[in-house]
Amino acid sequence: MGYEFEGMEYARLADMRPVRRQRYVELLDRGLNFTQAAHVVGVSKRTGNA
């Protein structure tokens, strides 16, 4: 079983986390607020966990 984020498959959750974090930061830079960016990457805005 792997993990998928934006069409890419990752063998380990630890491999996917930095990619998801980078996407979150990019979305913030583009003007999304914290709640919107968290929703796009699939994490809780409160905890930062999926």
Protein backbone atom coordinates (compact mmCIF):
# COMPACT_ATOMS: atom_id res chain seq x y z
CA MET A 1 0.00 0.00 0.00
CA GLY A 2 1.32 3.42 -0.94
CA TYR A 3 0.34 7.02 -0.56
CA GLU A 4 -0.86 9.25 -3.36
CA PHE A 5 -0.71 13.01 -3.66
CA GLU A 6 -1.56 14.96 -6.80
CA GLY A 7 -1.20 11.92 -9.03
CA MET A 8 2.16 10.77 -7.66
CA GLU A 9 2.58 7.55 -5.70
CA TYR A 10 4.85 7.46 -2.64
CA ALA A 11 5.95 4.27 -0.91
CA ARG A 12 6.19 5.94 2.50
CA LEU A 13 4.23 8.71 4.15
CA ALA A 14 7.54 10.29 5.16
CA ASP A 15 8.39 10.65 1.45
CA MET A 16 5.10 12.39 0.67
CA ARG A 17 5.06 14.88 3.58
CA PRO A 18 7.74 17.29 2.27
CA VAL A 19 6.06 17.41 -1.14
CA ARG A 20 2.68 18.14 0.42
CA ARG A 21 4.24 20.78 2.71
CA GLN A 22 5.91 22.50 -0.26
CA ARG A 23 2.59 22.57 -2.14
CA TYR A 24 0.93 24.13 0.93
CA VAL A 25 3.54 26.91 1.04
CA GLU A 26 3.15 27.53 -2.71
CA LEU A 27 -0.59 27.93 -2.27
CA LEU A 28 -0.08 30.43 0.54
CA ASP A 29 2.31 32.39 -1.68
CA ARG A 30 -0.37 32.48 -4.39
CA GLY A 31 -2.80 34.16 -2.00
CA LEU A 32 -4.87 31.33 -0.54
CA ASN A 33 -5.54 31.57 3.17
CA PHE A 34 -4.49 28.84 5.62
CA THR A 35 -7.87 27.10 5.54
CA GLN A 36 -8.07 27.02 1.75
CA ALA A 37 -4.49 25.76 1.35
CA ALA A 38 -5.02 23.05 3.96
CA HIS A 39 -8.16 21.89 2.18
CA VAL A 40 -6.36 21.66 -1.18
CA VAL A 41 -3.51 19.54 0.16
CA GLY A 42 -5.84 17.43 2.29
CA VAL A 43 -4.77 18.25 5.82
CA SER A 44 -6.48 19.68 8.86
CA LYS A 45 -5.84 23.42 9.22
CA ARG A 46 -5.78 22.94 12.95
CA THR A 47 -3.41 19.97 13.29
CA GLY A 48 -1.65 19.83 9.93
CA ASN A 49 -2.39 16.10 9.69
CA ALA A 50 -4.30 14.22 7.06
